[in-house]
Amino acid sequence: MIDLHSHTFFSDGELVASELARRAEAKGLTALGITDHGDLSNIDFIVPRLVAVAKKLNEVMALEVIPGIELTHVPPAHIAEGAALARSLGARIVIVHGETVVEPVAPGTNRAAIEARVDVLAHPGLITEEEALLAAANGVFLEITARGGHSLTNGHVARMAAVAGASLVLNTDSHAPGDLIDAAFARKVVVGAGLSESSFEVMQTNARTFLLKS
């Protein structure tokens, strides 16, 4: 199983990268994106450290660690700049913290992220059909999440993706050991979003194809 979205104590996670990676490996994951929360104040601190630790872990682990960032509550006007900076520092995956219904994320965040062609729009809440169509055109993945609260709109996200032809990925947004899930539970999350169980395999193929290109 591939999970592109997780956090260490470089932001609000509970674990160092090595422990998070080991726990993910023990759950049967084959790849894990470590994407700590960032904005223009700390991208230059987080990304180089995740790049460095990913390099060391990938020398010795079967699990592949993918260094990245989750641009979080970044003003929409700054998202493209933040994404470009993260990539220039070596981030292999750029996620944007979408307009979840359980946080006061600035309106316009979803659209700005999609226009900036980030890799994944996380928990995009009540994403519009127009935004989903733009995501499909720009190759931005929409996230089905296992994270409590953010997952309330998984069904809506799945419907908008189906209407627009946008691609989905399944992530945990893990912050603590108990947030990590195995493939069996991930399939339940997918079915709970109103999708077929086979959609999980499609999402995994999407993630695998992305990693081959990144």
C-alpha atoms as a PDB file:
ATOM      1  CA  MET A   1       0.000   0.000   0.000  1.00  0.00           C
ATOM      2  CA  ILE A   2       1.145   3.534  -0.802  1.00  0.00           C
ATOM      3  CA  ASP A   3       0.241   6.482   1.443  1.00  0.00           C
ATOM      4  CA  LEU A   4       1.387   9.885   0.191  1.00  0.00           C
ATOM      5  CA  HIS A   5       0.383  12.036   3.204  1.00  0.00           C
ATOM      6  CA  SER A   6       1.754  11.906   6.750  1.00  0.00           C
ATOM      7  CA  HIS A   7       3.378  14.076   9.412  1.00  0.00           C
ATOM      8  CA  THR A   8       6.288  13.963  11.846  1.00  0.00           C
ATOM      9  CA  PHE A   9       7.124  16.181  14.786  1.00  0.00           C
ATOM     10  CA  PHE A  10       8.621  18.673  12.333  1.00  0.00           C
ATOM     11  CA  SER A  11       5.028  19.922  12.327  1.00  0.00           C
ATOM     12  CA  ASP A  12       2.211  18.471  14.440  1.00  0.00           C
ATOM     13  CA  GLY A  13       2.985  14.765  14.198  1.00  0.00           C
ATOM     14  CA  GLU A  14       4.047  12.682  17.202  1.00  0.00           C
ATOM     15  CA  LEU A  15       6.951  10.691  15.742  1.00  0.00           C
ATOM     16  CA  VAL A  16      10.380  11.236  14.264  1.00  0.00           C
ATOM     17  CA  ALA A  17      10.625  10.240  10.612  1.00  0.00           C
ATOM     18  CA  SER A  18      12.464   6.993  11.321  1.00  0.00           C
ATOM     19  CA  GLU A  19       9.787   5.705  13.692  1.00  0.00           C
ATOM     20  CA  LEU A  20       6.954   6.774  11.439  1.00  0.00           C
ATOM     21  CA  ALA A  21       8.574   5.000   8.512  1.00  0.00           C
ATOM     22  CA  ARG A  22       9.197   1.836  10.535  1.00  0.00           C
ATOM     23  CA  ARG A  23       5.621   1.740  11.813  1.00  0.00           C
ATOM     24  CA  ALA A  24       4.318   2.233   8.273  1.00  0.00           C
ATOM     25  CA  GLU A  25       6.554  -0.575   7.044  1.00  0.00           C
ATOM     26  CA  ALA A  26       5.184  -2.845   9.780  1.00  0.00           C
ATOM     27  CA  LYS A  27       1.648  -2.064   8.555  1.00  0.00           C
ATOM     28  CA  GLY A  28       2.605  -3.425   5.156  1.00  0.00           C
ATOM     29  CA  LEU A  29       3.124  -0.136   3.345  1.00  0.00           C
ATOM     30  CA  THR A  30       5.571  -0.041   0.455  1.00  0.00           C
ATOM     31  CA  ALA A  31       5.845   3.750   0.184  1.00  0.00           C
ATOM     32  CA  LEU A  32       5.130   6.659   2.517  1.00  0.00           C
ATOM     33  CA  GLY A  33       5.043  10.363   1.763  1.00  0.00           C
ATOM     34  CA  ILE A  34       6.210  12.469   4.698  1.00  0.00           C
ATOM     35  CA  THR A  35       4.598  15.845   4.112  1.00  0.00           C
ATOM     36  CA  ASP A  36       4.827  18.042   7.171  1.00  0.00           C
ATOM     37  CA  HIS A  37       2.760  21.202   7.424  1.00  0.00           C
ATOM     38  CA  GLY A  38       4.525  24.220   5.999  1.00  0.00           C
ATOM     39  CA  ASP A  39       4.204  27.782   4.779  1.00  0.00           C
ATOM     40  CA  LEU A  40       6.683  30.408   3.649  1.00  0.00           C
ATOM     41  CA  SER A  41       8.077  30.618   7.206  1.00  0.00           C
ATOM     42  CA  ASN A  42       9.385  27.058   7.425  1.00  0.00           C
ATOM     43  CA  ILE A  43       9.502  25.327   4.031  1.00  0.00           C
ATOM     44  CA  ASP A  44      13.255  25.939   3.872  1.00  0.00           C
ATOM     45  CA  PHE A  45      13.641  24.245   7.268  1.00  0.00           C
ATOM     46  CA  ILE A  46      11.394  21.219   6.750  1.00  0.00           C
ATOM     47  CA  VAL A  47      12.034  20.109   3.193  1.00  0.00           C
ATOM     48  CA  PRO A  48      15.846  19.777   3.264  1.00  0.00           C
ATOM     49  CA  ARG A  49      15.648  17.745   6.482  1.00  0.00           C
ATOM     50  CA  LEU A  50      13.022  15.398   5.100  1.00  0.00           C
ATOM     51  CA  VAL A  51      15.032  15.021   1.892  1.00  0.00           C
ATOM     52  CA  ALA A  52      18.112  14.121   3.930  1.00  0.00           C
ATOM     53  CA  VAL A  53      16.391  11.598   6.198  1.00  0.00           C
ATOM     54  CA  ALA A  54      14.529  10.030   3.277  1.00  0.00           C
ATOM     55  CA  LYS A  55      17.828   9.455   1.497  1.00  0.00           C
ATOM     56  CA  LYS A  56      19.284   7.678   4.541  1.00  0.00           C
ATOM     57  CA  LEU A  57      16.171   5.588   5.217  1.00  0.00           C
ATOM     58  CA  ASN A  58      15.820   4.571   1.587  1.00  0.00           C
ATOM     59  CA  GLU A  59      19.319   3.105   1.713  1.00  0.00           C
ATOM     60  CA  VAL A  60      18.288   0.534   4.325  1.00  0.00           C
ATOM     61  CA  MET A  61      14.487   0.080   4.301  1.00  0.00           C
ATOM     62  CA  ALA A  62      12.211  -1.851   1.989  1.00  0.00           C
ATOM     63  CA  LEU A  63       9.683   0.970   2.405  1.00  0.00           C
ATOM     64  CA  GLU A  64      10.277   3.973   0.140  1.00  0.00           C
ATOM     65  CA  VAL A  65      10.115   7.329   1.947  1.00  0.00           C
ATOM     66  CA  ILE A  66       9.036  10.268  -0.215  1.00  0.00           C
ATOM     67  CA  PRO A  67       9.968  13.717   1.123  1.00  0.00           C
ATOM     68  CA  GLY A  68       7.462  16.503   0.632  1.00  0.00           C
ATOM     69  CA  ILE A  69       5.394  19.264   2.171  1.00  0.00           C
ATOM     70  CA  GLU A  70       1.763  20.032   2.914  1.00  0.00           C
ATOM     71  CA  LEU A  71       1.163  23.727   2.349  1.00  0.00           C
ATOM     72  CA  THR A  72      -1.253  24.477   5.171  1.00  0.00           C
ATOM     73  CA  HIS A  73      -3.515  27.513   5.611  1.00  0.00           C
ATOM     74  CA  VAL A  74      -1.263  29.308   3.152  1.00  0.00           C
ATOM     75  CA  PRO A  75      -3.016  32.334   1.627  1.00  0.00           C
ATOM     76  CA  PRO A  76      -4.183  31.341  -1.840  1.00  0.00           C
ATOM     77  CA  ALA A  77      -2.028  34.066  -3.419  1.00  0.00           C
ATOM     78  CA  HIS A  78       1.096  32.421  -1.909  1.00  0.00           C
ATOM     79  CA  ILE A  79       0.409  28.788  -2.849  1.00  0.00           C
ATOM     80  CA  ALA A  80       2.178  28.783  -6.211  1.00  0.00           C
ATOM     81  CA  GLU A  81       5.236  30.437  -4.664  1.00  0.00           C
ATOM     82  CA  GLY A  82       5.300  27.935  -1.801  1.00  0.00           C
ATOM     83  CA  ALA A  83       4.984  24.980  -4.155  1.00  0.00           C
ATOM     84  CA  ALA A  84       7.805  26.234  -6.359  1.00  0.00           C
ATOM     85  CA  LEU A  85      10.059  26.809  -3.347  1.00  0.00           C
ATOM     86  CA  ALA A  86       9.380  23.337  -1.953  1.00  0.00           C
ATOM     87  CA  ARG A  87      10.184  21.709  -5.269  1.00  0.00           C
ATOM     88  CA  SER A  88      13.376  23.730  -5.651  1.00  0.00           C
ATOM     89  CA  LEU A  89      14.501  22.347  -2.278  1.00  0.00           C
ATOM     90  CA  GLY A  90      13.898  18.740  -3.323  1.00  0.00           C
ATOM     91  CA  ALA A  91      10.302  17.972  -2.343  1.00  0.00           C
ATOM     92  CA  ARG A  92       9.075  15.050  -4.448  1.00  0.00           C
ATOM     93  CA  ILE A  93       5.467  15.637  -3.484  1.00  0.00           C
ATOM     94  CA  VAL A  94       3.620  18.899  -2.850  1.00  0.00           C
ATOM     95  CA  ILE A  95       0.259  18.653  -1.120  1.00  0.00           C
ATOM     96  CA  VAL A  96      -2.073  21.514  -0.282  1.00  0.00           C
ATOM     97  CA  HIS A  97      -4.316  21.449   2.784  1.00  0.00           C
ATOM     98  CA  GLY A  98      -7.659  21.813   1.066  1.00  0.00           C
ATOM     99  CA  GLU A  99     -10.890  23.438   2.152  1.00  0.00           C
ATOM    100  CA  THR A 100     -11.923  20.865   4.738  1.00  0.00           C
ATOM    101  CA  VAL A 101     -15.265  21.608   6.394  1.00  0.00           C
ATOM    102  CA  VAL A 102     -13.781  21.242   9.889  1.00  0.00           C
ATOM    103  CA  GLU A 103     -11.261  24.108   9.655  1.00  0.00           C
ATOM    104  CA  PRO A 104     -11.473  27.748   8.510  1.00  0.00           C
ATOM    105  CA  VAL A 105      -9.304  27.275   5.423  1.00  0.00           C
ATOM    106  CA  ALA A 106      -9.328  30.400   3.256  1.00  0.00           C
ATOM    107  CA  PRO A 107     -11.855  30.307   0.412  1.00  0.00           C
ATOM    108  CA  GLY A 108     -10.059  29.985  -2.887  1.00  0.00           C
ATOM    109  CA  THR A 109      -7.448  27.570  -1.524  1.00  0.00           C
ATOM    110  CA  ASN A 110      -8.709  24.624  -3.579  1.00  0.00           C
ATOM    111  CA  ARG A 111      -8.666  26.573  -6.823  1.00  0.00           C
ATOM    112  CA  ALA A 112      -5.267  28.177  -6.149  1.00  0.00           C
ATOM    113  CA  ALA A 113      -3.744  24.767  -5.438  1.00  0.00           C
ATOM    114  CA  ILE A 114      -5.170  23.283  -8.606  1.00  0.00           C
ATOM    115  CA  GLU A 115      -4.060  26.258 -10.692  1.00  0.00           C
ATOM    116  CA  ALA A 116      -0.554  25.871  -9.213  1.00  0.00           C
ATOM    117  CA  ARG A 117      -0.588  22.227 -10.365  1.00  0.00           C
ATOM    118  CA  VAL A 118       0.363  20.800  -6.990  1.00  0.00           C
ATOM    119  CA  ASP A 119       0.426  17.024  -6.775  1.00  0.00           C
ATOM    120  CA  VAL A 120      -2.397  16.356  -4.310  1.00  0.00           C
ATOM    121  CA  LEU A 121      -5.257  18.480  -3.023  1.00  0.00           C
ATOM    122  CA  ALA A 122      -5.847  17.004   0.420  1.00  0.00           C
ATOM    123  CA  HIS A 123      -9.319  16.734   1.963  1.00  0.00           C
ATOM    124  CA  PRO A 124     -10.850  19.314  -0.392  1.00  0.00           C
ATOM    125  CA  GLY A 125     -14.153  19.481   1.455  1.00  0.00           C
ATOM    126  CA  LEU A 126     -17.093  20.636  -0.636  1.00  0.00           C
ATOM    127  CA  ILE A 127     -15.042  20.978  -3.795  1.00  0.00           C
ATOM    128  CA  THR A 128     -17.059  22.308  -6.716  1.00  0.00           C
ATOM    129  CA  GLU A 129     -17.598  20.539 -10.010  1.00  0.00           C
ATOM    130  CA  GLU A 130     -15.717  23.356 -11.747  1.00  0.00           C
ATOM    131  CA  GLU A 131     -12.714  22.847  -9.455  1.00  0.00           C
ATOM    132  CA  ALA A 132     -12.824  19.088  -9.967  1.00  0.00           C
ATOM    133  CA  LEU A 133     -12.861  19.592 -13.745  1.00  0.00           C
ATOM    134  CA  LEU A 134      -9.819  21.853 -13.442  1.00  0.00           C
ATOM    135  CA  ALA A 135      -8.094  19.236 -11.265  1.00  0.00           C
ATOM    136  CA  ALA A 136      -8.684  16.651 -13.971  1.00  0.00           C
ATOM    137  CA  ALA A 137      -7.294  18.984 -16.638  1.00  0.00           C
ATOM    138  CA  ASN A 138      -4.228  19.920 -14.554  1.00  0.00           C
ATOM    139  CA  GLY A 139      -3.415  16.422 -13.344  1.00  0.00           C
ATOM    140  CA  VAL A 140      -3.995  17.191  -9.664  1.00  0.00           C
ATOM    141  CA  PHE A 141      -5.032  14.233  -7.508  1.00  0.00           C
ATOM    142  CA  LEU A 142      -7.996  14.669  -5.176  1.00  0.00           C
ATOM    143  CA  GLU A 143      -7.675  12.930  -1.832  1.00  0.00           C
ATOM    144  CA  ILE A 144      -9.952  10.437  -0.167  1.00  0.00           C
ATOM    145  CA  THR A 145      -8.787  10.549   3.433  1.00  0.00           C
ATOM    146  CA  ALA A 146      -8.882   8.223   6.406  1.00  0.00           C
ATOM    147  CA  ARG A 147      -8.419  11.200   8.753  1.00  0.00           C
ATOM    148  CA  GLY A 148     -11.284  11.807  11.175  1.00  0.00           C
ATOM    149  CA  GLY A 149     -13.176  15.027  10.535  1.00  0.00           C
ATOM    150  CA  HIS A 150     -11.645  15.629   7.127  1.00  0.00           C
ATOM    151  CA  SER A 151     -13.232  12.367   5.970  1.00  0.00           C
ATOM    152  CA  LEU A 152     -16.761  13.744   6.441  1.00  0.00           C
ATOM    153  CA  THR A 153     -16.836  14.903   2.816  1.00  0.00           C
ATOM    154  CA  ASN A 154     -15.192  11.851   1.230  1.00  0.00           C
ATOM    155  CA  GLY A 155     -18.467  10.903  -0.449  1.00  0.00           C
ATOM    156  CA  HIS A 156     -18.841  14.345  -2.000  1.00  0.00           C
ATOM    157  CA  VAL A 157     -15.231  14.358  -3.189  1.00  0.00           C
ATOM    158  CA  ALA A 158     -15.712  10.933  -4.759  1.00  0.00           C
ATOM    159  CA  ARG A 159     -18.858  12.095  -6.579  1.00  0.00           C
ATOM    160  CA  MET A 160     -17.220  15.258  -7.903  1.00  0.00           C
ATOM    161  CA  ALA A 161     -14.213  13.254  -9.088  1.00  0.00           C
ATOM    162  CA  ALA A 162     -16.488  10.821 -10.916  1.00  0.00           C
ATOM    163  CA  VAL A 163     -18.412  13.627 -12.615  1.00  0.00           C
ATOM    164  CA  ALA A 164     -15.239  15.463 -13.644  1.00  0.00           C
ATOM    165  CA  GLY A 165     -12.995  12.527 -14.444  1.00  0.00           C
ATOM    166  CA  ALA A 166     -10.488  13.615 -11.794  1.00  0.00           C
ATOM    167  CA  SER A 167      -8.064  11.075 -10.353  1.00  0.00           C
ATOM    168  CA  LEU A 168      -8.182  10.060  -6.708  1.00  0.00           C
ATOM    169  CA  VAL A 169      -5.633   8.869  -4.168  1.00  0.00           C
ATOM    170  CA  LEU A 170      -6.263   7.376  -0.729  1.00  0.00           C
ATOM    171  CA  ASN A 171      -4.147   8.786   2.124  1.00  0.00           C
ATOM    172  CA  THR A 172      -4.213   8.635   5.905  1.00  0.00           C
ATOM    173  CA  ASP A 173      -2.910  12.105   6.858  1.00  0.00           C
ATOM    174  CA  SER A 174      -1.259  10.269   9.760  1.00  0.00           C
ATOM    175  CA  HIS A 175      -0.126  12.289  12.760  1.00  0.00           C
ATOM    176  CA  ALA A 176       0.164   9.494  15.329  1.00  0.00           C
ATOM    177  CA  PRO A 177       0.877   5.741  15.330  1.00  0.00           C
ATOM    178  CA  GLY A 178      -2.806   4.893  15.533  1.00  0.00           C
ATOM    179  CA  ASP A 179      -3.534   6.836  12.345  1.00  0.00           C
ATOM    180  CA  LEU A 180      -1.626   4.424  10.133  1.00  0.00           C
ATOM    181  CA  ILE A 181      -3.806   1.811   8.454  1.00  0.00           C
ATOM    182  CA  ASP A 182      -3.294  -1.349   6.458  1.00  0.00           C
ATOM    183  CA  ALA A 183      -4.709  -2.124   3.038  1.00  0.00           C
ATOM    184  CA  ALA A 184      -7.705  -4.002   4.449  1.00  0.00           C
ATOM    185  CA  PHE A 185      -8.873  -0.983   6.419  1.00  0.00           C
ATOM    186  CA  ALA A 186      -8.082   1.340   3.515  1.00  0.00           C
ATOM    187  CA  ARG A 187     -10.530  -0.623   1.381  1.00  0.00           C
ATOM    188  CA  LYS A 188     -13.226   0.014   3.990  1.00  0.00           C
ATOM    189  CA  VAL A 189     -12.531   3.754   3.806  1.00  0.00           C
ATOM    190  CA  VAL A 190     -12.917   3.617   0.033  1.00  0.00           C
ATOM    191  CA  VAL A 191     -16.203   1.703   0.213  1.00  0.00           C
ATOM    192  CA  GLY A 192     -17.397   4.091   2.916  1.00  0.00           C
ATOM    193  CA  ALA A 193     -16.902   6.943   0.460  1.00  0.00           C
ATOM    194  CA  GLY A 194     -19.425   5.285  -1.838  1.00  0.00           C
ATOM    195  CA  LEU A 195     -16.852   3.816  -4.180  1.00  0.00           C
ATOM    196  CA  SER A 196     -16.358   0.224  -5.231  1.00  0.00           C
ATOM    197  CA  GLU A 197     -13.683  -1.831  -3.493  1.00  0.00           C
ATOM    198  CA  SER A 198     -11.831  -2.040  -6.797  1.00  0.00           C
ATOM    199  CA  SER A 199     -11.418   1.739  -6.682  1.00  0.00           C
ATOM    200  CA  PHE A 200      -8.772   1.199  -4.027  1.00  0.00           C
ATOM    201  CA  GLU A 201      -6.589  -0.579  -6.568  1.00  0.00           C
ATOM    202  CA  VAL A 202      -7.107   2.270  -9.037  1.00  0.00           C
ATOM    203  CA  MET A 203      -6.000   4.773  -6.394  1.00  0.00           C
ATOM    204  CA  GLN A 204      -2.943   2.689  -5.625  1.00  0.00           C
ATOM    205  CA  THR A 205      -2.080   2.574  -9.318  1.00  0.00           C
ATOM    206  CA  ASN A 206      -2.455   6.370  -9.440  1.00  0.00           C
ATOM    207  CA  ALA A 207      -0.045   6.743  -6.528  1.00  0.00           C
ATOM    208  CA  ARG A 208       2.411   4.228  -7.984  1.00  0.00           C
ATOM    209  CA  THR A 209       2.417   5.976 -11.365  1.00  0.00           C
ATOM    210  CA  PHE A 210       3.012   9.306  -9.662  1.00  0.00           C
ATOM    211  CA  LEU A 211       6.011   7.946  -7.761  1.00  0.00           C
ATOM    212  CA  LEU A 212       7.558   6.604 -10.944  1.00  0.00           C
ATOM    213  CA  LYS A 213       7.382  10.101 -12.433  1.00  0.00           C
ATOM    214  CA  SER A 214       8.427  12.112  -9.375  1.00  0.00           C
END
